[in-house]
Amino acid sequence: MSEKRTIESKALQINLDPKFYGTLAEIGAGQEVARNFFRAGGASGTIAKTMSAYDMTFSNAIYGEEADGRYVSKSRLYKMLDHEYDLLLERLGQSDEKRYFSFANTVASLNYRKNNQPHGWLGVKFQDKPGAEASNATIHVKLLDSDASLQYHVLGILGVNLIYACYAYYDDPDTFLNSLMDNMPINSIEIDMMRLKGPAFGDLDQRLIALALVSKGYSQVACFLPNGDIVQPKDFLYKKNICILRARFKPFTNLNMDIIEQGRKLFIEHNALEEKQVETICEITLKNLSLNEKISYQDFLDRAEMICNIGYPVLVTNFPEHHELTIFLKEVKPLCIGILLGVMNLKQIFDIRNYENPISDLLLQFGHLFNQKVKLYAYPFQPKGQNEIYTSKTLPLDSHMKHLYNFLLENNLIVDYIHYDKNNLLIDSNAIIEMIRTDSGNWEAYVPKVVSELIKEKCLFDHPCDIEKKRKIQPEIFRT
């Protein structure tokens, strides 16, 4: 683990190292990083050039215009990094002694009216050794302070931390991530996306980074797509019709598939949508990833790989409660939200014993969970060994909750599934996991074909396949 360093000592160490040399380009609100290097002293040994293209016309003249007209975007960041790095090579040529880098940020801070959402993109394109192919470290950050001057201050800290991490910790991903928060004021930023790519980082799985951001508390949500891309969650979900299933997915069973497919049909019907207008997502919470209070990264990869192979995007969150998920989703300005869940999950929401202060906690949760944009779609439940099937209308509840519950039913905020496969009601995921471990029973019949093939191909969930077929997985490189 790294010894925590001050911003001044980090900047000074880089300044005094003649082998690390590059440019800093900052547009928008991010004007503080270069200043930290100048204040530390000896900056002529590090900084070839600083650029502050604050004016939009000059910024476009240097880096080109964006198709969407935005300046604070990933596309703009990469154009800045590439442009400045290429200029270094063009003017100085490759060196056998120096490691070149370009740093860039593009940031929108809190405006005068304080009615915007401050955020920014920061990145470093750098060599881990002289003459090497360049690697990229890029992050997206939300600025949480309520004062613009404070936001400038934390941007300066974060920029130095990111450059220093690329300078000193590129071969230790865990220390790399931890060091980003050195000297950072509490609750001042949220890093909701990071990409570490290139020879300096080897074949680091980007999904591990996404999980680490959430598990370390740097972000509430991480999002990646079936093709393996890591995306900024709010950009991906912005103004979409969102249909989301919260589940353990251990493993992804025919029950999960039926909940998604039939629930999506209901969601489309109720909101008069077309199939292509709906984004269907699977969510895994860290609460459901925990094993003995430790995050199992291999367990995460197994579940995520199944979901991606089926074709759904994955959200990784630290939201134990449903209303916390809806609070986040409302920030992306969705058109409609459909939360798919089992009837027994519904019972837990309305179980008064789950609340420390029942009245205030319930009102708070329901105020966020239920509104005109959100509906809960309840999949039926059949207790083991019983013939009765419970729906939202037959679910037994505490008498104190019935009036509130009936109000939600009458206003169509909780909706029962119309069509479902009764055979799926008997699926027990814990029993299936045990069958997979021992390769016994007909476990393949309870999961989609693509899932069973993946389990046997890559020995997921301790399936006893040929040891020679076992994939080489990354060690537990992140510590929570």
Protein backbone atom coordinates (compact mmCIF):
# COMPACT_ATOMS: atom_id res chain seq x y z
CA MET A 1 0.00 0.00 0.00
CA SER A 2 1.17 3.53 -0.73
CA GLU A 3 2.04 6.02 1.96
CA LYS A 4 -0.43 8.88 1.76
CA ARG A 5 1.27 11.87 0.16
CA THR A 6 0.34 15.54 0.19
CA ILE A 7 -0.52 17.23 -3.09
CA GLU A 8 2.58 19.42 -2.77
CA SER A 9 4.91 16.45 -2.25
CA LYS A 10 3.37 14.54 -5.17
CA ALA A 11 3.73 17.49 -7.52
CA LEU A 12 7.27 18.20 -6.32
CA GLN A 13 8.41 14.59 -6.74
CA ILE A 14 7.18 14.58 -10.35
CA ASN A 15 8.75 18.00 -10.98
CA LEU A 16 12.13 16.79 -9.73
CA ASP A 17 12.08 13.64 -11.86
CA PRO A 18 13.60 14.54 -15.25
CA LYS A 19 12.26 11.32 -16.77
CA PHE A 20 8.54 12.26 -16.57
CA TYR A 21 7.65 15.08 -18.94
CA GLY A 22 4.48 16.32 -20.58
CA THR A 23 1.69 18.82 -21.14
CA LEU A 24 -1.41 19.89 -19.22
CA ALA A 25 -4.52 21.09 -21.05
CA GLU A 26 -7.55 22.32 -19.11
CA ILE A 27 -10.81 23.74 -20.44
CA GLY A 28 -13.93 24.86 -18.65
CA ALA A 29 -13.74 24.95 -14.87
CA GLY A 30 -10.68 22.72 -14.55
CA GLN A 31 -7.92 25.35 -14.32
CA GLU A 32 -6.25 24.32 -11.07
CA VAL A 33 -4.06 21.28 -11.83
CA ALA A 34 -1.20 23.11 -13.57
CA ARG A 35 -1.24 25.69 -10.77
CA ASN A 36 -0.47 22.97 -8.20
CA PHE A 37 2.61 21.92 -10.15
CA PHE A 38 3.81 25.51 -10.50
CA ARG A 39 3.32 26.15 -6.78
CA ALA A 40 5.35 23.06 -5.84
CA GLY A 41 8.43 24.45 -7.60
CA GLY A 42 10.68 23.01 -10.28
CA ALA A 43 7.81 22.71 -12.76
CA SER A 44 10.09 23.38 -15.71
CA GLY A 45 11.37 19.85 -15.28
CA THR A 46 7.90 18.40 -15.77
CA ILE A 47 5.72 20.72 -17.80
CA ALA A 48 6.48 21.19 -21.47
CA LYS A 49 3.37 23.32 -21.95
CA THR A 50 0.11 24.26 -20.28
CA MET A 51 -3.03 25.00 -22.24
CA SER A 52 -6.16 26.80 -21.03
CA ALA A 53 -8.53 26.88 -23.98
CA TYR A 54 -11.34 28.48 -22.02
CA ASP A 55 -13.03 30.17 -24.96
CA MET A 56 -15.25 27.82 -26.97
CA THR A 57 -14.15 29.22 -30.34
CA PHE A 58 -10.47 28.68 -29.55
CA SER A 59 -11.21 25.25 -28.09
CA ASN A 60 -12.93 24.20 -31.31
CA ALA A 61 -10.10 25.65 -33.38
CA ILE A 62 -7.58 23.54 -31.47
CA TYR A 63 -9.43 20.29 -30.87
CA GLY A 64 -12.25 20.36 -33.41
CA GLU A 65 -16.00 20.59 -32.91
CA GLU A 66 -18.06 17.83 -31.30
CA ALA A 67 -20.92 16.30 -33.26
CA ASP A 68 -23.28 16.79 -30.30
CA GLY A 69 -22.02 20.29 -29.54
CA ARG A 70 -20.92 19.37 -26.01
CA TYR A 71 -17.61 20.43 -24.53
CA VAL A 72 -17.71 18.41 -21.32
CA SER A 73 -17.69 14.93 -22.81
CA LYS A 74 -15.57 11.82 -23.16
CA SER A 75 -15.10 12.52 -26.85
CA ARG A 76 -13.68 15.98 -26.14
CA LEU A 77 -11.35 14.57 -23.47
CA TYR A 78 -9.86 11.98 -25.84
CA LYS A 79 -9.38 14.59 -28.57
CA MET A 80 -7.48 16.75 -26.10
CA LEU A 81 -5.29 13.90 -24.87
CA ASP A 82 -4.45 12.69 -28.37
CA HIS A 83 -3.80 16.16 -29.75
CA GLU A 84 -1.43 17.20 -26.96
CA TYR A 85 0.38 13.85 -26.84
CA ASP A 86 0.90 13.81 -30.61
CA LEU A 87 2.33 17.34 -30.44
CA LEU A 88 4.85 16.16 -27.85
CA LEU A 89 6.07 13.40 -30.14
CA GLU A 90 6.04 15.65 -33.20
CA ARG A 91 8.12 18.38 -31.56
CA LEU A 92 10.40 16.32 -29.34
CA GLY A 93 10.49 12.88 -30.93
CA GLN A 94 10.62 9.62 -29.00
CA SER A 95 13.12 9.58 -26.16
CA ASP A 96 15.22 6.81 -24.64
CA GLU A 97 15.26 8.66 -21.35
CA LYS A 98 11.92 10.39 -20.86
CA ARG A 99 8.41 9.09 -20.24
CA TYR A 100 5.98 11.42 -21.99
CA PHE A 101 2.48 12.21 -20.80
CA SER A 102 -0.43 14.49 -21.62
CA PHE A 103 -3.04 15.43 -19.02
CA ALA A 104 -6.40 16.94 -19.92
CA ASN A 105 -9.66 17.82 -18.25
CA THR A 106 -12.93 19.36 -19.37
CA VAL A 107 -15.27 20.37 -16.57
CA ALA A 108 -18.56 22.15 -15.92
CA SER A 109 -18.69 23.54 -12.39
CA LEU A 110 -21.69 24.89 -10.53
CA ASN A 111 -23.22 27.78 -12.46
CA TYR A 112 -24.31 31.16 -11.11
CA ARG A 113 -27.93 30.04 -10.65
CA LYS A 114 -26.86 26.72 -9.08
CA ASN A 115 -29.33 24.77 -11.20
CA ASN A 116 -26.95 22.57 -13.21
CA GLN A 117 -25.26 19.24 -12.46
CA PRO A 118 -21.50 19.89 -12.11
CA HIS A 119 -19.31 17.17 -13.58
CA GLY A 120 -16.16 16.63 -15.57
CA TRP A 121 -13.85 14.30 -17.49
CA LEU A 122 -10.17 13.94 -16.58
CA GLY A 123 -7.52 11.79 -18.20
CA VAL A 124 -3.82 11.04 -18.65
CA LYS A 125 -2.17 9.54 -21.71
CA PHE A 126 1.27 8.36 -20.64
CA GLN A 127 4.22 6.03 -21.14
CA ASP A 128 5.10 3.60 -18.36
CA LYS A 129 8.69 3.53 -19.70
CA PRO A 130 10.61 5.57 -22.28
CA GLY A 131 9.63 4.77 -25.85
CA ALA A 132 6.67 2.62 -24.83
CA GLU A 133 3.27 2.64 -26.44
CA ALA A 134 1.00 5.05 -24.57
CA SER A 135 -1.65 3.98 -22.06
CA ASN A 136 -4.79 5.89 -21.02
CA ALA A 137 -6.37 6.51 -17.62
CA THR A 138 -9.68 8.37 -17.83
CA ILE A 139 -12.35 9.13 -15.24
CA HIS A 140 -15.72 10.85 -15.05
CA VAL A 141 -16.44 12.75 -11.86
CA LYS A 142 -19.48 14.36 -10.25
CA LEU A 143 -18.74 17.48 -8.22
CA LEU A 144 -20.79 17.51 -5.03
CA ASP A 145 -19.77 20.72 -3.24
CA SER A 146 -22.33 23.52 -3.19
CA ASP A 147 -19.76 26.20 -3.95
CA ALA A 148 -17.90 26.62 -7.26
CA SER A 149 -14.62 27.68 -5.59
CA LEU A 150 -14.60 24.47 -3.55
CA GLN A 151 -15.16 22.50 -6.75
CA TYR A 152 -12.13 24.16 -8.35
CA HIS A 153 -10.08 23.19 -5.31
CA VAL A 154 -10.99 19.49 -5.41
CA LEU A 155 -10.40 19.37 -9.17
CA GLY A 156 -6.86 20.56 -8.58
CA ILE A 157 -6.36 17.81 -6.01
CA LEU A 158 -7.89 15.11 -8.17
CA GLY A 159 -5.83 16.09 -11.22
CA VAL A 160 -2.53 15.86 -9.32
CA ASN A 161 -3.61 12.55 -7.77
CA LEU A 162 -4.47 11.11 -11.18
CA ILE A 163 -1.17 12.20 -12.75
CA TYR A 164 0.78 10.84 -9.78
CA ALA A 165 -1.10 7.52 -9.91
CA CYS A 166 -0.10 7.14 -13.57
CA TYR A 167 3.45 8.11 -12.64
CA ALA A 168 3.90 5.77 -9.66
CA TYR A 169 1.09 3.22 -9.29
CA TYR A 170 0.15 2.05 -12.81
CA ASP A 171 1.28 -1.50 -11.94
CA ASP A 172 -0.85 -1.68 -8.74
CA PRO A 173 -4.54 -1.06 -9.58
CA ASP A 174 -5.70 -1.11 -5.98
CA THR A 175 -3.20 1.52 -4.83
CA PHE A 176 -3.93 3.47 -8.02
CA LEU A 177 -7.60 3.75 -7.08
CA ASN A 178 -6.99 4.40 -3.38
CA SER A 179 -4.54 7.22 -4.12
CA LEU A 180 -7.13 9.18 -6.12
CA MET A 181 -8.79 10.18 -2.86
CA ASP A 182 -5.60 11.33 -1.09
CA ASN A 183 -6.20 14.72 0.57
CA MET A 184 -9.72 14.84 -0.84
CA PRO A 185 -12.37 16.55 1.33
CA ILE A 186 -15.13 14.14 2.40
CA ASN A 187 -18.21 13.94 0.17
CA SER A 188 -16.81 16.34 -2.41
CA ILE A 189 -16.70 14.11 -5.49
CA GLU A 190 -18.08 10.90 -6.92
CA ILE A 191 -16.12 8.94 -9.54
CA ASP A 192 -18.75 7.03 -11.47
CA MET A 193 -16.63 5.77 -14.36
CA MET A 194 -13.00 4.85 -14.91
CA ARG A 195 -11.11 3.25 -17.76
CA LEU A 196 -7.53 2.01 -17.48
CA LYS A 197 -6.33 0.84 -20.87
CA GLY A 198 -2.99 0.11 -22.50
CA PRO A 199 0.25 -1.81 -21.93
CA ALA A 200 0.90 -0.17 -18.56
CA PHE A 201 -2.21 -1.89 -17.16
CA GLY A 202 -1.87 -5.24 -18.93
CA ASP A 203 -5.12 -7.10 -19.52
CA LEU A 204 -6.89 -5.61 -16.51
CA ASP A 205 -10.60 -6.44 -16.64
CA GLN A 206 -12.51 -3.16 -16.82
CA ARG A 207 -15.47 -4.74 -15.03
CA LEU A 208 -13.28 -5.21 -11.95
CA ILE A 209 -12.58 -1.49 -11.97
CA ALA A 210 -16.31 -0.76 -12.18
CA LEU A 211 -16.98 -2.96 -9.17
CA ALA A 212 -14.05 -1.52 -7.22
CA LEU A 213 -15.35 2.03 -7.64
CA VAL A 214 -18.63 1.03 -6.04
CA SER A 215 -17.16 -1.22 -3.35
CA LYS A 216 -14.74 1.52 -2.25
CA GLY A 217 -17.58 4.02 -2.02
CA TYR A 218 -16.23 6.23 -4.82
CA SER A 219 -19.48 5.80 -6.72
CA GLN A 220 -23.02 4.62 -6.14
CA VAL A 221 -23.39 2.99 -9.55
CA ALA A 222 -21.25 1.44 -12.26
CA CYS A 223 -22.56 0.37 -15.64
CA PHE A 224 -21.19 -1.84 -18.39
CA LEU A 225 -22.62 -3.24 -21.58
CA PRO A 226 -22.83 -6.75 -23.06
CA ASN A 227 -19.91 -5.95 -25.39
CA GLY A 228 -17.72 -5.26 -22.34
CA ASP A 229 -17.73 -1.46 -22.64
CA ILE A 230 -17.80 0.55 -19.43
CA VAL A 231 -20.14 3.54 -19.75
CA GLN A 232 -21.02 6.56 -17.68
CA PRO A 233 -24.35 5.46 -16.12
CA LYS A 234 -26.24 8.73 -16.44
CA ASP A 235 -25.25 9.22 -20.06
CA PHE A 236 -26.38 5.70 -20.91
CA LEU A 237 -29.74 5.95 -19.13
CA TYR A 238 -30.55 9.59 -19.85
CA LYS A 239 -34.22 10.13 -20.79
CA LYS A 240 -34.93 6.46 -21.47
CA ASN A 241 -37.79 4.13 -20.58
CA ILE A 242 -36.11 1.87 -18.03
CA CYS A 243 -37.23 -1.65 -17.16
CA ILE A 244 -34.99 -3.09 -14.45
CA LEU A 245 -34.74 -6.39 -12.58
CA ARG A 246 -33.06 -6.48 -9.17
CA ALA A 247 -31.90 -10.00 -8.35
CA ARG A 248 -28.98 -12.15 -7.19
CA PHE A 249 -28.55 -13.93 -10.55
CA LYS A 250 -26.76 -16.81 -8.87
CA PRO A 251 -27.17 -18.29 -11.37
CA PHE A 252 -29.31 -16.58 -14.02
CA THR A 253 -32.27 -18.98 -14.17
CA ASN A 254 -35.32 -19.52 -16.33
CA LEU A 255 -37.22 -17.74 -13.56
CA ASN A 256 -35.11 -14.60 -14.06
CA MET A 257 -35.66 -14.83 -17.80
CA ASP A 258 -39.43 -15.15 -17.41
CA ILE A 259 -39.55 -12.21 -14.98
CA ILE A 260 -37.71 -10.05 -17.51
CA GLU A 261 -39.55 -11.11 -20.65
CA GLN A 262 -43.07 -11.04 -19.26
CA GLY A 263 -42.42 -7.95 -17.17
CA ARG A 264 -41.07 -6.07 -20.17
CA LYS A 265 -44.21 -6.93 -22.13
CA LEU A 266 -46.37 -5.50 -19.34
CA PHE A 267 -44.20 -2.40 -19.12
CA ILE A 268 -44.46 -1.82 -22.88
CA GLU A 269 -48.22 -2.35 -22.84
CA HIS A 270 -48.90 -0.05 -19.87
CA ASN A 271 -46.82 2.78 -21.30
CA ALA A 272 -47.85 2.33 -24.96
CA LEU A 273 -44.25 1.83 -26.07
CA GLU A 274 -42.45 -0.09 -28.78
CA GLU A 275 -39.82 -2.74 -27.99
CA LYS A 276 -36.97 -0.56 -29.25
CA GLN A 277 -38.01 2.26 -26.91
CA VAL A 278 -37.24 0.26 -23.75
CA GLU A 279 -33.85 -0.24 -22.07
CA THR A 280 -33.94 -3.49 -20.10
CA ILE A 281 -31.28 -3.72 -17.38
CA CYS A 282 -30.16 -6.19 -14.72
CA GLU A 283 -28.95 -4.81 -11.40
CA ILE A 284 -26.68 -6.46 -8.86
CA THR A 285 -26.26 -4.78 -5.50
CA LEU A 286 -23.13 -5.14 -3.42
CA LYS A 287 -25.35 -6.47 -0.66
CA ASN A 288 -26.01 -9.50 -2.84
CA LEU A 289 -22.35 -9.83 -3.84
CA SER A 290 -21.07 -10.06 -0.28
CA LEU A 291 -19.70 -13.31 1.04
CA ASN A 292 -18.70 -13.21 4.72
CA GLU A 293 -18.72 -9.40 4.52
CA LYS A 294 -16.06 -9.44 1.76
CA ILE A 295 -16.66 -8.75 -1.90
CA SER A 296 -15.99 -11.80 -4.07
CA TYR A 297 -14.77 -10.42 -7.37
CA GLN A 298 -14.81 -13.81 -9.02
CA ASP A 299 -18.42 -14.27 -8.00
CA PHE A 300 -19.20 -10.89 -9.54
CA LEU A 301 -17.48 -11.75 -12.81
CA ASP A 302 -19.36 -15.06 -13.03
CA ARG A 303 -22.74 -13.41 -12.64
CA ALA A 304 -21.93 -10.44 -14.86
CA GLU A 305 -20.62 -12.67 -17.64
CA MET A 306 -23.86 -14.64 -17.66
CA ILE A 307 -25.99 -11.51 -17.88
CA CYS A 308 -23.86 -10.00 -20.64
CA ASN A 309 -23.93 -13.23 -22.65
CA ILE A 310 -27.71 -13.17 -22.51
CA GLY A 311 -27.54 -9.62 -23.87
CA TYR A 312 -28.47 -7.28 -21.02
CA PRO A 313 -26.54 -4.30 -19.62
CA VAL A 314 -25.54 -4.58 -15.96
CA LEU A 315 -25.76 -2.00 -13.18
CA VAL A 316 -23.64 -2.57 -10.09
CA THR A 317 -24.95 -0.50 -7.18
CA ASN A 318 -24.61 -0.04 -3.45
CA PHE A 319 -28.36 0.42 -2.99
CA PRO A 320 -29.74 -2.08 -0.47
CA GLU A 321 -33.23 -0.57 -0.72
CA HIS A 322 -35.49 -0.19 -3.74
CA HIS A 323 -36.21 3.49 -3.11
CA GLU A 324 -32.48 4.28 -3.25
CA LEU A 325 -32.41 2.85 -6.77
CA THR A 326 -35.36 5.02 -7.84
CA ILE A 327 -33.71 8.14 -6.39
CA PHE A 328 -30.72 7.50 -8.65
CA LEU A 329 -32.85 6.67 -11.68
CA LYS A 330 -34.83 9.89 -11.32
CA GLU A 331 -31.57 11.84 -11.67
CA VAL A 332 -31.22 10.56 -15.26
CA LYS A 333 -34.62 12.09 -16.10
CA PRO A 334 -36.26 8.85 -17.23
CA LEU A 335 -39.47 8.80 -19.20
CA CYS A 336 -40.86 5.78 -17.29
CA ILE A 337 -39.46 3.27 -14.78
CA GLY A 338 -40.60 -0.30 -14.28
CA ILE A 339 -39.08 -2.24 -11.38
CA LEU A 340 -39.49 -6.01 -11.75
CA LEU A 341 -39.52 -8.02 -8.53
CA GLY A 342 -40.95 -11.08 -6.87
CA VAL A 343 -43.97 -10.88 -4.61
CA MET A 344 -41.83 -11.87 -1.60
CA ASN A 345 -39.60 -8.86 -2.24
CA LEU A 346 -42.75 -6.79 -2.13
CA LYS A 347 -43.62 -8.32 1.22
CA GLN A 348 -40.21 -7.28 2.60
CA ILE A 349 -40.79 -3.67 1.52
CA PHE A 350 -44.03 -3.59 3.48
CA ASP A 351 -42.76 -5.50 6.51
CA ILE A 352 -42.85 -2.97 9.34
CA ARG A 353 -40.19 -4.95 11.25
CA ASN A 354 -37.57 -3.95 8.67
CA TYR A 355 -37.70 -0.30 9.71
CA GLU A 356 -36.05 1.28 12.72
CA ASN A 357 -38.54 4.16 12.75
CA PRO A 358 -41.52 2.60 10.95
CA ILE A 359 -43.66 5.68 10.28
CA SER A 360 -40.95 8.12 9.15
CA ASP A 361 -38.88 5.47 7.34
CA LEU A 362 -41.88 4.10 5.47
CA LEU A 363 -43.11 7.52 4.40
CA LEU A 364 -39.61 8.44 3.22
CA GLN A 365 -39.19 5.22 1.26
CA PHE A 366 -42.63 5.29 -0.35
CA GLY A 367 -42.28 8.97 -1.20
CA HIS A 368 -39.25 8.13 -3.33
CA LEU A 369 -40.35 4.72 -4.53
CA PHE A 370 -43.83 5.53 -5.80
CA ASN A 371 -44.63 8.32 -8.19
CA GLN A 372 -46.18 8.74 -11.61
CA LYS A 373 -43.04 7.52 -13.39
CA VAL A 374 -42.51 4.35 -11.33
CA LYS A 375 -44.47 1.11 -11.24
CA LEU A 376 -43.65 -2.14 -9.47
CA TYR A 377 -44.37 -5.32 -11.41
CA ALA A 378 -44.88 -8.23 -9.02
CA TYR A 379 -44.08 -11.78 -10.17
CA PRO A 380 -46.10 -14.43 -8.25
CA PHE A 381 -44.64 -16.69 -5.57
CA GLN A 382 -45.42 -20.26 -4.56
CA PRO A 383 -44.09 -21.45 -1.18
CA LYS A 384 -42.22 -24.73 -1.31
CA GLY A 385 -44.53 -27.69 -0.71
CA GLN A 386 -47.71 -25.61 -1.04
CA ASN A 387 -50.28 -25.31 -3.80
CA GLU A 388 -51.26 -21.70 -3.13
CA ILE A 389 -49.74 -19.05 -5.39
CA TYR A 390 -49.38 -15.57 -3.91
CA THR A 391 -49.91 -12.44 -6.00
CA SER A 392 -49.80 -8.79 -4.94
CA LYS A 393 -53.54 -8.96 -4.25
CA THR A 394 -53.37 -12.08 -2.05
CA LEU A 395 -50.12 -11.31 -0.24
CA PRO A 396 -50.59 -11.49 3.55
CA LEU A 397 -49.53 -8.24 5.22
CA ASP A 398 -49.54 -6.71 8.67
CA SER A 399 -52.90 -5.05 9.38
CA HIS A 400 -51.15 -1.68 9.93
CA MET A 401 -50.01 -1.68 6.30
CA LYS A 402 -53.16 -2.78 4.50
CA HIS A 403 -54.73 0.66 3.97
CA LEU A 404 -51.53 2.11 2.48
CA TYR A 405 -50.96 -1.03 0.41
CA ASN A 406 -54.50 -1.03 -0.94
CA PHE A 407 -54.13 2.62 -1.91
CA LEU A 408 -51.10 1.73 -4.06
CA LEU A 409 -52.92 -1.20 -5.64
CA GLU A 410 -55.98 0.90 -6.45
CA ASN A 411 -53.80 3.53 -8.12
CA ASN A 412 -52.14 0.89 -10.28
CA LEU A 413 -48.66 1.53 -8.85
CA ILE A 414 -48.24 -2.17 -8.09
CA VAL A 415 -49.13 -4.47 -10.98
CA ASP A 416 -49.41 -8.27 -11.06
CA TYR A 417 -47.96 -10.31 -13.89
CA ILE A 418 -50.68 -11.58 -16.24
CA HIS A 419 -48.67 -14.32 -17.94
CA TYR A 420 -45.97 -16.46 -16.35
CA ASP A 421 -44.65 -20.01 -16.45
CA LYS A 422 -45.87 -21.87 -13.35
CA ASN A 423 -42.95 -24.32 -13.64
CA ASN A 424 -40.57 -21.47 -12.83
CA LEU A 425 -42.21 -20.92 -9.44
CA LEU A 426 -40.54 -24.10 -8.19
CA ILE A 427 -37.00 -22.99 -9.10
CA ASP A 428 -34.67 -22.78 -6.10
CA SER A 429 -31.41 -21.03 -7.04
CA ASN A 430 -29.57 -22.36 -3.97
CA ALA A 431 -30.45 -25.91 -4.95
CA ILE A 432 -29.32 -25.25 -8.52
CA ILE A 433 -25.95 -23.94 -7.33
CA GLU A 434 -25.44 -27.14 -5.33
CA MET A 435 -26.30 -29.24 -8.37
CA ILE A 436 -23.82 -27.24 -10.46
CA ARG A 437 -21.05 -27.78 -7.91
CA THR A 438 -21.59 -31.53 -7.93
CA ASP A 439 -22.70 -31.69 -11.58
CA SER A 440 -25.70 -33.70 -10.44
CA GLY A 441 -29.38 -33.63 -11.27
CA ASN A 442 -30.72 -31.99 -14.37
CA TRP A 443 -29.58 -28.46 -13.49
CA GLU A 444 -29.26 -27.48 -17.16
CA ALA A 445 -33.06 -27.60 -17.45
CA TYR A 446 -33.44 -24.70 -14.99
CA VAL A 447 -31.21 -22.16 -16.74
CA PRO A 448 -31.13 -20.72 -20.29
CA LYS A 449 -29.01 -22.71 -22.72
CA VAL A 450 -26.44 -19.93 -23.10
CA VAL A 451 -25.97 -19.96 -19.32
CA SER A 452 -25.48 -23.72 -19.03
CA GLU A 453 -22.96 -23.64 -21.88
CA LEU A 454 -21.03 -20.82 -20.23
CA ILE A 455 -21.02 -22.58 -16.85
CA LYS A 456 -19.57 -25.75 -18.36
CA GLU A 457 -17.16 -23.94 -20.66
CA LYS A 458 -15.64 -21.71 -17.98
CA CYS A 459 -16.28 -23.78 -14.85
CA LEU A 460 -18.46 -21.13 -13.22
CA PHE A 461 -19.79 -21.58 -9.68
CA ASP A 462 -17.24 -24.34 -8.97
CA HIS A 463 -18.57 -26.60 -11.71
CA PRO A 464 -16.20 -29.62 -11.77
CA CYS A 465 -15.17 -29.33 -15.41
CA ASP A 466 -11.79 -30.31 -16.78
CA ILE A 467 -9.11 -28.38 -14.90
CA GLU A 468 -7.35 -27.68 -18.18
CA LYS A 469 -10.43 -25.77 -19.35
CA LYS A 470 -10.47 -23.50 -16.33
CA ARG A 471 -9.88 -19.94 -17.37
CA LYS A 472 -7.02 -17.94 -15.97
CA ILE A 473 -8.66 -15.33 -13.84
CA GLN A 474 -7.16 -12.25 -12.31
CA PRO A 475 -6.26 -12.44 -8.63
CA GLU A 476 -8.13 -10.50 -6.00
CA ILE A 477 -6.19 -7.37 -6.86
CA PHE A 478 -8.65 -4.97 -5.25
CA ARG A 479 -8.98 -4.67 -1.51
CA THR A 480 -12.17 -3.18 -0.04
